[in-house]
């Protein structure tokens, strides 16, 4: 019994030609064109095409985390309303506090901070 394997040199192909990698830079495309093409590709392949904003404007005031307890029915109502409006529950709560007379700068009332990168 021979343990010698047949040579594989015939199975290995040499590259047929070299590619020129010194490509010229592509001209800038407007954001609208890129977004439209991303949507088109996403619809074709069934993928998400949400394009994040380039940069988030900084909040006017530093943010602090506040924890509170609420009845489950209120949390559920806030969740539904936030989903319907495309905002966060935090936005709805801050909006209500502002309407109740508490000081709230307009720049600090952001519909959805989750879409921004944290600094």
PDB file of N, CA and C in Angstrom:
ATOM      1  N   UNK A   1       0.840  -1.160   0.000  1.00  0.00           N
ATOM      2  CA  UNK A   1       0.000   0.000   0.000  1.00  0.00           C
ATOM      3  C   UNK A   1       0.897   1.240   0.000  1.00  0.00           C
ATOM      4  N   UNK A   2       0.598   2.169  -0.916  1.00  0.00           N
ATOM      5  CA  UNK A   2       1.422   3.362  -1.061  1.00  0.00           C
ATOM      6  C   UNK A   2       0.719   4.554  -0.402  1.00  0.00           C
ATOM      7  N   UNK A   3       1.465   5.270   0.438  1.00  0.00           N
ATOM      8  CA  UNK A   3       0.922   6.450   1.110  1.00  0.00           C
ATOM      9  C   UNK A   3       1.212   7.722   0.333  1.00  0.00           C
ATOM     10  N   UNK A   4       1.778   7.597  -0.836  1.00  0.00           N
ATOM     11  CA  UNK A   4       2.145   8.765  -1.625  1.00  0.00           C
ATOM     12  C   UNK A   4       0.902   9.337  -2.312  1.00  0.00           C
ATOM     13  N   UNK A   5       0.702  10.651  -2.134  1.00  0.00           N
ATOM     14  CA  UNK A   5      -0.449  11.322  -2.739  1.00  0.00           C
ATOM     15  C   UNK A   5      -0.072  11.845  -4.117  1.00  0.00           C
ATOM     16  N   UNK A   6      -1.036  11.967  -5.001  1.00  0.00           N
ATOM     17  CA  UNK A   6      -0.719  12.504  -6.337  1.00  0.00           C
ATOM     18  C   UNK A   6      -0.380  13.986  -6.227  1.00  0.00           C
ATOM     19  N   UNK A   7       0.438  14.525  -7.116  1.00  0.00           N
ATOM     20  CA  UNK A   7       0.804  15.939  -7.064  1.00  0.00           C
ATOM     21  C   UNK A   7      -0.418  16.830  -7.355  1.00  0.00           C
ATOM     22  N   UNK A   8      -0.445  17.981  -6.705  1.00  0.00           N
ATOM     23  CA  UNK A   8      -1.577  18.889  -6.933  1.00  0.00           C
ATOM     24  C   UNK A   8      -1.191  20.069  -7.826  1.00  0.00           C
ATOM     25  N   UNK A   9       0.012  20.055  -8.335  1.00  0.00           N
ATOM     26  CA  UNK A   9       0.485  21.193  -9.128  1.00  0.00           C
ATOM     27  C   UNK A   9      -0.389  21.441 -10.353  1.00  0.00           C
ATOM     28  N   UNK A  10      -1.009  20.405 -10.887  1.00  0.00           N
ATOM     29  CA  UNK A  10      -1.867  20.592 -12.055  1.00  0.00           C
ATOM     30  C   UNK A  10      -3.194  21.244 -11.669  1.00  0.00           C
ATOM     31  N   UNK A  11      -3.582  21.110 -10.408  1.00  0.00           N
ATOM     32  CA  UNK A  11      -4.851  21.684  -9.955  1.00  0.00           C
ATOM     33  C   UNK A  11      -4.746  23.161  -9.579  1.00  0.00           C
ATOM     34  N   UNK A  12      -3.525  23.662  -9.408  1.00  0.00           N
ATOM     35  CA  UNK A  12      -3.333  25.052  -9.009  1.00  0.00           C
ATOM     36  C   UNK A  12      -3.191  25.903 -10.265  1.00  0.00           C
ATOM     37  N   UNK A  13      -4.090  26.874 -10.393  1.00  0.00           N
ATOM     38  CA  UNK A  13      -4.037  27.751 -11.562  1.00  0.00           C
ATOM     39  C   UNK A  13      -3.238  29.005 -11.226  1.00  0.00           C
ATOM     40  N   UNK A  14      -2.511  29.462 -12.156  1.00  0.00           N
ATOM     41  CA  UNK A  14      -1.814  30.733 -12.028  1.00  0.00           C
ATOM     42  C   UNK A  14      -2.805  31.846 -12.373  1.00  0.00           C
ATOM     43  N   UNK A  15      -2.674  33.023 -11.732  1.00  0.00           N
ATOM     44  CA  UNK A  15      -3.585  34.115 -12.063  1.00  0.00           C
ATOM     45  C   UNK A  15      -3.480  34.465 -13.549  1.00  0.00           C
ATOM     46  N   UNK A  16      -4.611  34.688 -14.170  1.00  0.00           N
ATOM     47  CA  UNK A  16      -4.614  34.937 -15.611  1.00  0.00           C
ATOM     48  C   UNK A  16      -4.079  36.325 -15.951  1.00  0.00           C
ATOM     49  N   UNK A  17      -4.369  37.324 -15.114  1.00  0.00           N
ATOM     50  CA  UNK A  17      -3.828  38.659 -15.369  1.00  0.00           C
ATOM     51  C   UNK A  17      -3.845  39.451 -14.076  1.00  0.00           C
ATOM     52  N   UNK A  18      -3.085  40.512 -14.077  1.00  0.00           N
ATOM     53  CA  UNK A  18      -3.039  41.383 -12.903  1.00  0.00           C
ATOM     54  C   UNK A  18      -4.051  42.512 -13.078  1.00  0.00           C
ATOM     55  N   UNK A  19      -4.606  42.969 -11.958  1.00  0.00           N
ATOM     56  CA  UNK A  19      -5.555  44.063 -11.989  1.00  0.00           C
ATOM     57  C   UNK A  19      -4.845  45.353 -11.596  1.00  0.00           C
ATOM     58  N   UNK A  20      -5.194  46.428 -12.284  1.00  0.00           N
ATOM     59  CA  UNK A  20      -4.633  47.737 -11.945  1.00  0.00           C
ATOM     60  C   UNK A  20      -5.363  48.257 -10.709  1.00  0.00           C
ATOM     61  N   UNK A  21      -4.637  48.487  -9.639  1.00  0.00           N
ATOM     62  CA  UNK A  21      -5.240  48.938  -8.397  1.00  0.00           C
ATOM     63  C   UNK A  21      -5.080  50.436  -8.178  1.00  0.00           C
ATOM     64  N   UNK A  22      -4.539  51.128  -9.146  1.00  0.00           N
ATOM     65  CA  UNK A  22      -4.367  52.573  -9.008  1.00  0.00           C
ATOM     66  C   UNK A  22      -5.584  53.286  -9.620  1.00  0.00           C
ATOM     67  N   UNK A  23      -6.737  53.056  -9.003  1.00  0.00           N
ATOM     68  CA  UNK A  23      -7.977  53.629  -9.501  1.00  0.00           C
ATOM     69  C   UNK A  23      -8.071  55.106  -9.133  1.00  0.00           C
ATOM     70  N   UNK A  24      -8.702  55.877  -9.989  1.00  0.00           N
ATOM     71  CA  UNK A  24      -8.906  57.296  -9.710  1.00  0.00           C
ATOM     72  C   UNK A  24     -10.014  57.427  -8.671  1.00  0.00           C
ATOM     73  N   UNK A  25      -9.926  58.429  -7.786  1.00  0.00           N
ATOM     74  CA  UNK A  25     -10.985  58.610  -6.789  1.00  0.00           C
ATOM     75  C   UNK A  25     -12.304  58.942  -7.482  1.00  0.00           C
ATOM     76  N   UNK A  26     -13.352  58.430  -6.902  1.00  0.00           N
ATOM     77  CA  UNK A  26     -14.684  58.659  -7.431  1.00  0.00           C
ATOM     78  C   UNK A  26     -15.169  60.046  -7.002  1.00  0.00           C
ATOM     79  N   UNK A  27     -15.918  60.707  -7.872  1.00  0.00           N
ATOM     80  CA  UNK A  27     -16.430  62.021  -7.488  1.00  0.00           C
ATOM     81  C   UNK A  27     -17.463  61.868  -6.381  1.00  0.00           C
ATOM     82  N   UNK A  28     -17.566  62.890  -5.546  1.00  0.00           N
ATOM     83  CA  UNK A  28     -18.510  62.853  -4.434  1.00  0.00           C
ATOM     84  C   UNK A  28     -19.933  62.783  -4.950  1.00  0.00           C
ATOM     85  N   UNK A  29     -20.733  61.980  -4.272  1.00  0.00           N
ATOM     86  CA  UNK A  29     -22.148  61.868  -4.618  1.00  0.00           C
ATOM     87  C   UNK A  29     -22.965  62.596  -3.564  1.00  0.00           C
ATOM     88  N   UNK A  30     -24.033  63.267  -3.977  1.00  0.00           N
ATOM     89  CA  UNK A  30     -24.897  63.914  -2.976  1.00  0.00           C
ATOM     90  C   UNK A  30     -25.522  62.877  -2.046  1.00  0.00           C
ATOM     91  N   UNK A  31     -25.785  63.277  -0.801  1.00  0.00           N
ATOM     92  CA  UNK A  31     -26.361  62.370   0.186  1.00  0.00           C
ATOM     93  C   UNK A  31     -27.680  61.777  -0.291  1.00  0.00           C
ATOM     94  N   UNK A  32     -28.473  62.556  -1.021  1.00  0.00           N
ATOM     95  CA  UNK A  32     -29.762  62.065  -1.511  1.00  0.00           C
ATOM     96  C   UNK A  32     -29.585  60.887  -2.460  1.00  0.00           C
ATOM     97  N   UNK A  33     -28.560  60.959  -3.305  1.00  0.00           N
ATOM     98  CA  UNK A  33     -28.297  59.873  -4.258  1.00  0.00           C
ATOM     99  C   UNK A  33     -27.874  58.612  -3.504  1.00  0.00           C
ATOM    100  N   UNK A  34     -27.010  58.776  -2.515  1.00  0.00           N
ATOM    101  CA  UNK A  34     -26.542  57.634  -1.719  1.00  0.00           C
ATOM    102  C   UNK A  34     -27.717  57.013  -0.958  1.00  0.00           C
ATOM    103  N   UNK A  35     -28.560  57.850  -0.347  1.00  0.00           N
ATOM    104  CA  UNK A  35     -29.709  57.340   0.406  1.00  0.00           C
ATOM    105  C   UNK A  35     -30.686  56.614  -0.505  1.00  0.00           C
ATOM    106  N   UNK A  36     -30.945  57.167  -1.689  1.00  0.00           N
ATOM    107  CA  UNK A  36     -31.871  56.518  -2.635  1.00  0.00           C
ATOM    108  C   UNK A  36     -31.320  55.169  -3.080  1.00  0.00           C
ATOM    109  N   UNK A  37     -30.029  55.112  -3.359  1.00  0.00           N
ATOM    110  CA  UNK A  37     -29.410  53.849  -3.800  1.00  0.00           C
ATOM    111  C   UNK A  37     -29.420  52.827  -2.658  1.00  0.00           C
ATOM    112  N   UNK A  38     -29.185  53.284  -1.429  1.00  0.00           N
ATOM    113  CA  UNK A  38     -29.216  52.382  -0.271  1.00  0.00           C
ATOM    114  C   UNK A  38     -30.606  51.787  -0.100  1.00  0.00           C
ATOM    115  N   UNK A  39     -31.648  52.633  -0.262  1.00  0.00           N
ATOM    116  CA  UNK A  39     -33.024  52.116  -0.166  1.00  0.00           C
ATOM    117  C   UNK A  39     -33.301  51.092  -1.255  1.00  0.00           C
ATOM    118  N   UNK A  40     -32.845  51.390  -2.463  1.00  0.00           N
ATOM    119  CA  UNK A  40     -33.053  50.473  -3.590  1.00  0.00           C
ATOM    120  C   UNK A  40     -32.394  49.114  -3.332  1.00  0.00           C
ATOM    121  N   UNK A  41     -31.166  49.146  -2.864  1.00  0.00           N
ATOM    122  CA  UNK A  41     -30.453  47.899  -2.562  1.00  0.00           C
ATOM    123  C   UNK A  41     -31.131  47.173  -1.404  1.00  0.00           C
ATOM    124  N   UNK A  42     -31.543  47.924  -0.391  1.00  0.00           N
ATOM    125  CA  UNK A  42     -32.221  47.320   0.755  1.00  0.00           C
ATOM    126  C   UNK A  42     -33.516  46.639   0.372  1.00  0.00           C
ATOM    127  N   UNK A  43     -34.293  47.275  -0.516  1.00  0.00           N
ATOM    128  CA  UNK A  43     -35.541  46.663  -0.969  1.00  0.00           C
ATOM    129  C   UNK A  43     -35.262  45.396  -1.775  1.00  0.00           C
ATOM    130  N   UNK A  44     -34.214  45.439  -2.575  1.00  0.00           N
ATOM    131  CA  UNK A  44     -33.857  44.261  -3.382  1.00  0.00           C
ATOM    132  C   UNK A  44     -33.455  43.083  -2.508  1.00  0.00           C
ATOM    133  N   UNK A  45     -32.649  43.351  -1.473  1.00  0.00           N
ATOM    134  CA  UNK A  45     -32.099  42.279  -0.648  1.00  0.00           C
ATOM    135  C   UNK A  45     -32.823  42.107   0.681  1.00  0.00           C
ATOM    136  N   UNK A  46     -33.814  42.945   0.951  1.00  0.00           N
ATOM    137  CA  UNK A  46     -34.572  42.820   2.190  1.00  0.00           C
ATOM    138  C   UNK A  46     -33.771  43.162   3.424  1.00  0.00           C
ATOM    139  N   UNK A  47     -32.931  44.195   3.318  1.00  0.00           N
ATOM    140  CA  UNK A  47     -32.106  44.574   4.468  1.00  0.00           C
ATOM    141  C   UNK A  47     -32.487  45.962   4.959  1.00  0.00           C
ATOM    142  N   UNK A  48     -31.991  46.308   6.138  1.00  0.00           N
ATOM    143  CA  UNK A  48     -32.253  47.620   6.717  1.00  0.00           C
ATOM    144  C   UNK A  48     -31.399  48.659   6.015  1.00  0.00           C
ATOM    145  N   UNK A  49     -32.002  49.798   5.715  1.00  0.00           N
ATOM    146  CA  UNK A  49     -31.255  50.846   5.011  1.00  0.00           C
ATOM    147  C   UNK A  49     -31.259  52.152   5.774  1.00  0.00           C
ATOM    148  N   UNK A  50     -31.443  52.096   7.070  1.00  0.00           N
ATOM    149  CA  UNK A  50     -31.457  53.323   7.854  1.00  0.00           C
ATOM    150  C   UNK A  50     -30.049  53.912   7.886  1.00  0.00           C
ATOM    151  N   UNK A  51     -29.944  55.129   7.448  1.00  0.00           N
ATOM    152  CA  UNK A  51     -28.646  55.799   7.411  1.00  0.00           C
ATOM    153  C   UNK A  51     -28.596  56.771   8.580  1.00  0.00           C
ATOM    154  N   UNK A  52     -27.601  56.610   9.427  1.00  0.00           N
ATOM    155  CA  UNK A  52     -27.475  57.449  10.618  1.00  0.00           C
ATOM    156  C   UNK A  52     -27.036  58.853  10.229  1.00  0.00           C
ATOM    157  N   UNK A  53     -27.453  59.848  11.000  1.00  0.00           N
ATOM    158  CA  UNK A  53     -26.990  61.201  10.718  1.00  0.00           C
ATOM    159  C   UNK A  53     -25.473  61.295  10.861  1.00  0.00           C
ATOM    160  N   UNK A  54     -24.872  62.217  10.142  1.00  0.00           N
ATOM    161  CA  UNK A  54     -23.416  62.355  10.170  1.00  0.00           C
ATOM    162  C   UNK A  54     -22.909  62.646  11.572  1.00  0.00           C
ATOM    163  N   UNK A  55     -23.543  63.600  12.229  1.00  0.00           N
ATOM    164  CA  UNK A  55     -23.073  63.974  13.555  1.00  0.00           C
ATOM    165  C   UNK A  55     -24.252  64.494  14.367  1.00  0.00           C
ATOM    166  N   UNK A  56     -24.302  64.123  15.588  1.00  0.00           N
ATOM    167  CA  UNK A  56     -25.382  64.572  16.457  1.00  0.00           C
ATOM    168  C   UNK A  56     -25.031  65.933  17.044  1.00  0.00           C
ATOM    169  N   UNK A  57     -25.997  66.842  17.046  1.00  0.00           N
ATOM    170  CA  UNK A  57     -25.706  68.107  17.714  1.00  0.00           C
ATOM    171  C   UNK A  57     -25.595  67.871  19.211  1.00  0.00           C
ATOM    172  N   UNK A  58     -24.644  68.502  19.855  1.00  0.00           N
ATOM    173  CA  UNK A  58     -24.473  68.267  21.288  1.00  0.00           C
ATOM    174  C   UNK A  58     -25.661  68.831  22.070  1.00  0.00           C
ATOM    175  N   UNK A  59     -26.081  68.144  23.116  1.00  0.00           N
ATOM    176  CA  UNK A  59     -27.157  68.694  23.941  1.00  0.00           C
ATOM    177  C   UNK A  59     -26.676  69.954  24.647  1.00  0.00           C
ATOM    178  N   UNK A  60     -27.615  70.834  24.935  1.00  0.00           N
ATOM    179  CA  UNK A  60     -27.275  72.088  25.586  1.00  0.00           C
ATOM    180  C   UNK A  60     -26.808  71.817  27.016  1.00  0.00           C
ATOM    181  N   UNK A  61     -27.509  70.937  27.705  1.00  0.00           N
ATOM    182  CA  UNK A  61     -27.179  70.652  29.105  1.00  0.00           C
ATOM    183  C   UNK A  61     -26.654  69.220  29.223  1.00  0.00           C
ATOM    184  N   UNK A  62     -25.758  68.966  30.161  1.00  0.00           N
ATOM    185  CA  UNK A  62     -25.316  67.582  30.375  1.00  0.00           C
ATOM    186  C   UNK A  62     -26.503  66.735  30.832  1.00  0.00           C
ATOM    187  N   UNK A  63     -26.488  65.478  30.449  1.00  0.00           N
ATOM    188  CA  UNK A  63     -27.595  64.576  30.775  1.00  0.00           C
ATOM    189  C   UNK A  63     -27.301  63.804  32.052  1.00  0.00           C
ATOM    190  N   UNK A  64     -28.343  63.558  32.832  1.00  0.00           N
ATOM    191  CA  UNK A  64     -28.244  62.698  34.006  1.00  0.00           C
ATOM    192  C   UNK A  64     -29.313  61.618  33.872  1.00  0.00           C
ATOM    193  N   UNK A  65     -29.035  60.470  34.408  1.00  0.00           N
ATOM    194  CA  UNK A  65     -29.983  59.370  34.370  1.00  0.00           C
ATOM    195  C   UNK A  65     -30.900  59.460  35.586  1.00  0.00           C
ATOM    196  N   UNK A  66     -32.200  59.323  35.337  1.00  0.00           N
ATOM    197  CA  UNK A  66     -33.192  59.382  36.408  1.00  0.00           C
ATOM    198  C   UNK A  66     -34.001  58.093  36.350  1.00  0.00           C
ATOM    199  N   UNK A  67     -34.170  57.464  37.482  1.00  0.00           N
ATOM    200  CA  UNK A  67     -34.958  56.231  37.535  1.00  0.00           C
ATOM    201  C   UNK A  67     -36.205  56.511  38.351  1.00  0.00           C
ATOM    202  N   UNK A  68     -37.337  56.068  37.833  1.00  0.00           N
ATOM    203  CA  UNK A  68     -38.579  56.207  38.581  1.00  0.00           C
ATOM    204  C   UNK A  68     -39.448  54.995  38.289  1.00  0.00           C
ATOM    205  N   UNK A  69     -40.407  54.760  39.139  1.00  0.00           N
ATOM    206  CA  UNK A  69     -41.345  53.657  38.957  1.00  0.00           C
ATOM    207  C   UNK A  69     -42.684  54.233  38.529  1.00  0.00           C
ATOM    208  N   UNK A  70     -43.320  53.544  37.594  1.00  0.00           N
ATOM    209  CA  UNK A  70     -44.636  53.984  37.142  1.00  0.00           C
ATOM    210  C   UNK A  70     -45.547  52.763  37.028  1.00  0.00           C
ATOM    211  N   UNK A  71     -46.843  52.994  37.064  1.00  0.00           N
ATOM    212  CA  UNK A  71     -47.768  51.872  36.887  1.00  0.00           C
ATOM    213  C   UNK A  71     -47.571  51.247  35.506  1.00  0.00           C
ATOM    214  N   UNK A  72     -47.785  49.953  35.413  1.00  0.00           N
ATOM    215  CA  UNK A  72     -47.552  49.252  34.155  1.00  0.00           C
ATOM    216  C   UNK A  72     -48.435  49.773  33.027  1.00  0.00           C
ATOM    217  N   UNK A  73     -49.686  50.176  33.344  1.00  0.00           N
ATOM    218  CA  UNK A  73     -50.575  50.673  32.298  1.00  0.00           C
ATOM    219  C   UNK A  73     -50.059  51.996  31.721  1.00  0.00           C
ATOM    220  N   UNK A  74     -49.432  52.834  32.564  1.00  0.00           N
ATOM    221  CA  UNK A  74     -48.875  54.095  32.083  1.00  0.00           C
ATOM    222  C   UNK A  74     -47.658  53.825  31.201  1.00  0.00           C
ATOM    223  N   UNK A  75     -46.812  52.897  31.626  1.00  0.00           N
ATOM    224  CA  UNK A  75     -45.646  52.537  30.821  1.00  0.00           C
ATOM    225  C   UNK A  75     -46.075  51.989  29.464  1.00  0.00           C
ATOM    226  N   UNK A  76     -47.106  51.156  29.465  1.00  0.00           N
ATOM    227  CA  UNK A  76     -47.608  50.587  28.218  1.00  0.00           C
ATOM    228  C   UNK A  76     -48.153  51.688  27.304  1.00  0.00           C
ATOM    229  N   UNK A  77     -48.895  52.631  27.896  1.00  0.00           N
ATOM    230  CA  UNK A  77     -49.445  53.740  27.107  1.00  0.00           C
ATOM    231  C   UNK A  77     -48.333  54.618  26.532  1.00  0.00           C
ATOM    232  N   UNK A  78     -47.320  54.897  27.352  1.00  0.00           N
ATOM    233  CA  UNK A  78     -46.172  55.669  26.863  1.00  0.00           C
ATOM    234  C   UNK A  78     -45.459  54.943  25.726  1.00  0.00           C
ATOM    235  N   UNK A  79     -45.293  53.632  25.871  1.00  0.00           N
ATOM    236  CA  UNK A  79     -44.621  52.845  24.828  1.00  0.00           C
ATOM    237  C   UNK A  79     -45.391  52.900  23.513  1.00  0.00           C
ATOM    238  N   UNK A  80     -46.704  52.752  23.598  1.00  0.00           N
ATOM    239  CA  UNK A  80     -47.531  52.773  22.387  1.00  0.00           C
ATOM    240  C   UNK A  80     -47.480  54.145  21.732  1.00  0.00           C
ATOM    241  N   UNK A  81     -47.652  55.202  22.539  1.00  0.00           N
ATOM    242  CA  UNK A  81     -47.635  56.564  21.994  1.00  0.00           C
ATOM    243  C   UNK A  81     -46.275  56.878  21.389  1.00  0.00           C
ATOM    244  N   UNK A  82     -45.205  56.481  22.050  1.00  0.00           N
ATOM    245  CA  UNK A  82     -43.853  56.729  21.525  1.00  0.00           C
ATOM    246  C   UNK A  82     -43.658  56.020  20.188  1.00  0.00           C
ATOM    247  N   UNK A  83     -44.138  54.783  20.088  1.00  0.00           N
ATOM    248  CA  UNK A  83     -44.003  54.037  18.835  1.00  0.00           C
ATOM    249  C   UNK A  83     -44.821  54.699  17.725  1.00  0.00           C
ATOM    250  N   UNK A  84     -46.008  55.152  18.052  1.00  0.00           N
ATOM    251  CA  UNK A  84     -46.857  55.804  17.051  1.00  0.00           C
ATOM    252  C   UNK A  84     -46.222  57.087  16.523  1.00  0.00           C
ATOM    253  N   UNK A  85     -45.590  57.838  17.409  1.00  0.00           N
ATOM    254  CA  UNK A  85     -44.998  59.125  17.027  1.00  0.00           C
ATOM    255  C   UNK A  85     -43.552  59.007  16.552  1.00  0.00           C
ATOM    256  N   UNK A  86     -42.931  57.830  16.759  1.00  0.00           N
ATOM    257  CA  UNK A  86     -41.531  57.653  16.369  1.00  0.00           C
ATOM    258  C   UNK A  86     -40.572  58.404  17.268  1.00  0.00           C
ATOM    259  N   UNK A  87     -40.906  58.458  18.554  1.00  0.00           N
ATOM    260  CA  UNK A  87     -40.066  59.146  19.533  1.00  0.00           C
ATOM    261  C   UNK A  87     -39.783  58.183  20.684  1.00  0.00           C
ATOM    262  N   UNK A  88     -39.046  58.645  21.671  1.00  0.00           N
ATOM    263  CA  UNK A  88     -38.777  57.813  22.845  1.00  0.00           C
ATOM    264  C   UNK A  88     -39.731  58.197  23.974  1.00  0.00           C
ATOM    265  N   UNK A  89     -39.823  57.313  24.960  1.00  0.00           N
ATOM    266  CA  UNK A  89     -40.629  57.626  26.141  1.00  0.00           C
ATOM    267  C   UNK A  89     -40.021  58.818  26.883  1.00  0.00           C
ATOM    268  N   UNK A  90     -38.710  58.920  26.891  1.00  0.00           N
ATOM    269  CA  UNK A  90     -38.050  60.060  27.524  1.00  0.00           C
ATOM    270  C   UNK A  90     -38.518  61.371  26.899  1.00  0.00           C
ATOM    271  N   UNK A  91     -38.632  61.382  25.585  1.00  0.00           N
ATOM    272  CA  UNK A  91     -39.114  62.582  24.890  1.00  0.00           C
ATOM    273  C   UNK A  91     -40.510  62.959  25.375  1.00  0.00           C
ATOM    274  N   UNK A  92     -41.396  61.976  25.464  1.00  0.00           N
ATOM    275  CA  UNK A  92     -42.761  62.251  25.904  1.00  0.00           C
ATOM    276  C   UNK A  92     -42.797  62.783  27.337  1.00  0.00           C
ATOM    277  N   UNK A  93     -41.979  62.200  28.202  1.00  0.00           N
ATOM    278  CA  UNK A  93     -41.945  62.637  29.604  1.00  0.00           C
ATOM    279  C   UNK A  93     -41.395  64.060  29.708  1.00  0.00           C
ATOM    280  N   UNK A  94     -40.292  64.340  28.995  1.00  0.00           N
ATOM    281  CA  UNK A  94     -39.723  65.697  29.023  1.00  0.00           C
ATOM    282  C   UNK A  94     -40.706  66.706  28.442  1.00  0.00           C
ATOM    283  N   UNK A  95     -41.382  66.324  27.380  1.00  0.00           N
ATOM    284  CA  UNK A  95     -42.371  67.209  26.760  1.00  0.00           C
ATOM    285  C   UNK A  95     -43.491  67.541  27.759  1.00  0.00           C
ATOM    286  N   UNK A  96     -43.967  66.517  28.466  1.00  0.00           N
ATOM    287  CA  UNK A  96     -45.028  66.731  29.458  1.00  0.00           C
ATOM    288  C   UNK A  96     -44.543  67.619  30.599  1.00  0.00           C
ATOM    289  N   UNK A  97     -43.312  67.415  31.046  1.00  0.00           N
ATOM    290  CA  UNK A  97     -42.767  68.255  32.120  1.00  0.00           C
ATOM    291  C   UNK A  97     -42.626  69.706  31.655  1.00  0.00           C
ATOM    292  N   UNK A  98     -42.194  69.891  30.410  1.00  0.00           N
ATOM    293  CA  UNK A  98     -42.094  71.247  29.866  1.00  0.00           C
ATOM    294  C   UNK A  98     -43.456  71.920  29.797  1.00  0.00           C
ATOM    295  N   UNK A  99     -44.480  71.182  29.360  1.00  0.00           N
ATOM    296  CA  UNK A  99     -45.840  71.729  29.286  1.00  0.00           C
ATOM    297  C   UNK A  99     -46.405  72.018  30.677  1.00  0.00           C
ATOM    298  N   UNK A 100     -45.936  71.286  31.679  1.00  0.00           N
ATOM    299  CA  UNK A 100     -46.402  71.495  33.058  1.00  0.00           C
ATOM    300  C   UNK A 100     -45.741  72.706  33.706  1.00  0.00           C
ATOM    301  N   UNK A 101     -44.813  73.351  32.987  1.00  0.00           N
ATOM    302  CA  UNK A 101     -44.215  74.570  33.509  1.00  0.00           C
ATOM    303  C   UNK A 101     -42.779  74.444  33.963  1.00  0.00           C
ATOM    304  N   UNK A 102     -42.207  73.251  33.892  1.00  0.00           N
ATOM    305  CA  UNK A 102     -40.805  73.093  34.277  1.00  0.00           C
ATOM    306  C   UNK A 102     -39.926  73.634  33.157  1.00  0.00           C
ATOM    307  N   UNK A 103     -38.784  74.196  33.532  1.00  0.00           N
ATOM    308  CA  UNK A 103     -37.864  74.763  32.541  1.00  0.00           C
ATOM    309  C   UNK A 103     -37.274  73.648  31.683  1.00  0.00           C
ATOM    310  N   UNK A 104     -37.399  73.820  30.380  1.00  0.00           N
ATOM    311  CA  UNK A 104     -36.847  72.846  29.436  1.00  0.00           C
ATOM    312  C   UNK A 104     -36.456  73.598  28.174  1.00  0.00           C
ATOM    313  N   UNK A 105     -35.171  73.629  27.886  1.00  0.00           N
ATOM    314  CA  UNK A 105     -34.688  74.293  26.678  1.00  0.00           C
ATOM    315  C   UNK A 105     -35.118  73.477  25.461  1.00  0.00           C
ATOM    316  N   UNK A 106     -35.517  74.164  24.415  1.00  0.00           N
ATOM    317  CA  UNK A 106     -35.985  73.502  23.185  1.00  0.00           C
ATOM    318  C   UNK A 106     -34.910  72.572  22.607  1.00  0.00           C
ATOM    319  N   UNK A 107     -33.646  72.975  22.705  1.00  0.00           N
ATOM    320  CA  UNK A 107     -32.552  72.162  22.166  1.00  0.00           C
ATOM    321  C   UNK A 107     -32.390  70.848  22.915  1.00  0.00           C
ATOM    322  N   UNK A 108     -32.875  70.782  24.161  1.00  0.00           N
ATOM    323  CA  UNK A 108     -32.756  69.556  24.954  1.00  0.00           C
ATOM    324  C   UNK A 108     -33.921  68.600  24.732  1.00  0.00           C
ATOM    325  N   UNK A 109     -34.933  69.033  23.993  1.00  0.00           N
ATOM    326  CA  UNK A 109     -36.082  68.174  23.693  1.00  0.00           C
ATOM    327  C   UNK A 109     -35.811  67.479  22.362  1.00  0.00           C
ATOM    328  N   UNK A 110     -35.168  66.306  22.438  1.00  0.00           N
ATOM    329  CA  UNK A 110     -34.745  65.560  21.253  1.00  0.00           C
ATOM    330  C   UNK A 110     -35.617  64.323  21.114  1.00  0.00           C
ATOM    331  N   UNK A 111     -36.150  64.102  19.917  1.00  0.00           N
ATOM    332  CA  UNK A 111     -37.105  63.009  19.704  1.00  0.00           C
ATOM    333  C   UNK A 111     -36.512  61.635  19.967  1.00  0.00           C
ATOM    334  N   UNK A 112     -35.258  61.422  19.585  1.00  0.00           N
ATOM    335  CA  UNK A 112     -34.676  60.087  19.762  1.00  0.00           C
ATOM    336  C   UNK A 112     -33.164  60.171  19.858  1.00  0.00           C
ATOM    337  N   UNK A 113     -32.629  60.247  21.061  1.00  0.00           N
ATOM    338  CA  UNK A 113     -31.176  60.322  21.262  1.00  0.00           C
ATOM    339  C   UNK A 113     -30.487  58.989  20.978  1.00  0.00           C
ATOM    340  N   UNK A 114     -31.243  57.892  20.930  1.00  0.00           N
ATOM    341  CA  UNK A 114     -30.630  56.578  20.728  1.00  0.00           C
ATOM    342  C   UNK A 114     -29.950  56.473  19.375  1.00  0.00           C
ATOM    343  N   UNK A 115     -30.343  57.274  18.416  1.00  0.00           N
ATOM    344  CA  UNK A 115     -29.784  57.180  17.075  1.00  0.00           C
ATOM    345  C   UNK A 115     -28.433  57.859  16.971  1.00  0.00           C
ATOM    346  N   UNK A 116     -28.021  58.546  18.024  1.00  0.00           N
ATOM    347  CA  UNK A 116     -26.754  59.266  17.999  1.00  0.00           C
ATOM    348  C   UNK A 116     -25.698  58.496  18.749  1.00  0.00           C
ATOM    349  N   UNK A 117     -24.470  58.671  18.303  1.00  0.00           N
ATOM    350  CA  UNK A 117     -23.352  58.073  19.027  1.00  0.00           C
ATOM    351  C   UNK A 117     -23.122  58.848  20.302  1.00  0.00           C
ATOM    352  N   UNK A 118     -22.830  58.139  21.362  1.00  0.00           N
ATOM    353  CA  UNK A 118     -22.503  58.813  22.617  1.00  0.00           C
ATOM    354  C   UNK A 118     -21.073  59.265  22.551  1.00  0.00           C
ATOM    355  N   UNK A 119     -20.812  60.431  23.086  1.00  0.00           N
ATOM    356  CA  UNK A 119     -19.446  60.989  23.036  1.00  0.00           C
ATOM    357  C   UNK A 119     -18.693  60.663  24.264  1.00  0.00           C
TER     358      UNK A 119
END
